[in-house]
């Protein structure tokens, strides 16, 4: 550690009692190799489309509309 540099914040560990009644924090699973390849292919395919159509498809894919 560098001399003169320190952290004044205390470390806080959450106990089970702290988490009781809270909503669970859900995470999306990490994509596998196949899903990554499919996403890369889709992005390349989007580049070949007209800009307006590509934007519409991108918005729909992200479930914004």
Protein backbone atom coordinates (compact mmCIF):
# COMPACT_ATOMS: atom_id res chain seq x y z
CA UNK A 1 0.00 0.00 0.00
CA UNK A 2 1.20 3.49 -0.80
CA UNK A 3 2.34 5.50 2.16
CA UNK A 4 -0.12 8.25 3.09
CA UNK A 5 -3.05 6.62 1.23
CA UNK A 6 -5.77 5.03 3.33
CA UNK A 7 -9.47 4.23 3.36
CA UNK A 8 -11.53 5.77 6.16
CA UNK A 9 -14.64 3.68 5.40
CA UNK A 10 -15.32 0.75 7.70
CA UNK A 11 -15.82 -2.67 6.13
CA UNK A 12 -19.39 -3.84 6.57
CA UNK A 13 -20.45 -7.44 6.22
CA UNK A 14 -24.16 -8.08 5.64
CA UNK A 15 -25.65 -10.67 7.93
CA UNK A 16 -28.70 -12.81 7.22
CA UNK A 17 -30.77 -10.53 9.46
CA UNK A 18 -29.83 -7.56 7.22
CA UNK A 19 -31.10 -9.34 4.13
CA UNK A 20 -34.38 -10.73 5.52
CA UNK A 21 -37.34 -9.21 3.72
CA UNK A 22 -35.32 -7.81 0.86
CA UNK A 23 -36.09 -8.64 -2.74
CA UNK A 24 -33.66 -11.12 -4.24
CA UNK A 25 -31.10 -9.66 -6.63
CA UNK A 26 -31.46 -11.70 -9.82
CA UNK A 27 -28.65 -11.81 -12.35
CA UNK A 28 -28.80 -12.89 -15.94
CA UNK A 29 -26.76 -16.01 -16.64
CA UNK A 30 -23.54 -15.49 -18.57
CA UNK A 31 -23.86 -16.23 -22.28
CA UNK A 32 -22.28 -19.36 -23.64
CA UNK A 33 -20.02 -19.56 -26.70
CA UNK A 34 -22.96 -20.34 -28.99
CA UNK A 35 -24.93 -17.31 -27.79
CA UNK A 36 -21.89 -15.06 -28.27
CA UNK A 37 -21.43 -16.31 -31.83
CA UNK A 38 -25.12 -15.75 -32.58
CA UNK A 39 -24.94 -12.21 -31.20
CA UNK A 40 -21.87 -11.42 -33.31
CA UNK A 41 -23.64 -12.75 -36.43
CA UNK A 42 -26.72 -10.65 -35.62
CA UNK A 43 -24.64 -7.49 -35.24
CA UNK A 44 -22.94 -8.11 -38.58
CA UNK A 45 -26.34 -8.70 -40.15
CA UNK A 46 -27.70 -5.44 -38.68
CA UNK A 47 -24.86 -3.50 -40.33
CA UNK A 48 -26.03 -4.66 -43.76
CA UNK A 49 -29.52 -3.17 -43.29
CA UNK A 50 -30.68 0.36 -43.91
CA UNK A 51 -30.11 2.56 -40.88
CA UNK A 52 -33.80 3.19 -40.08
CA UNK A 53 -34.70 -0.49 -40.25
CA UNK A 54 -31.66 -1.48 -38.18
CA UNK A 55 -32.61 1.04 -35.47
CA UNK A 56 -36.17 -0.30 -35.34
CA UNK A 57 -34.92 -3.88 -35.01
CA UNK A 58 -32.40 -2.88 -32.33
CA UNK A 59 -35.10 -1.16 -30.27
CA UNK A 60 -37.39 -4.19 -30.60
CA UNK A 61 -34.57 -6.58 -29.67
CA UNK A 62 -33.95 -4.59 -26.48
CA UNK A 63 -37.69 -4.72 -25.69
CA UNK A 64 -38.00 -0.92 -25.62
CA UNK A 65 -41.04 -0.86 -27.93
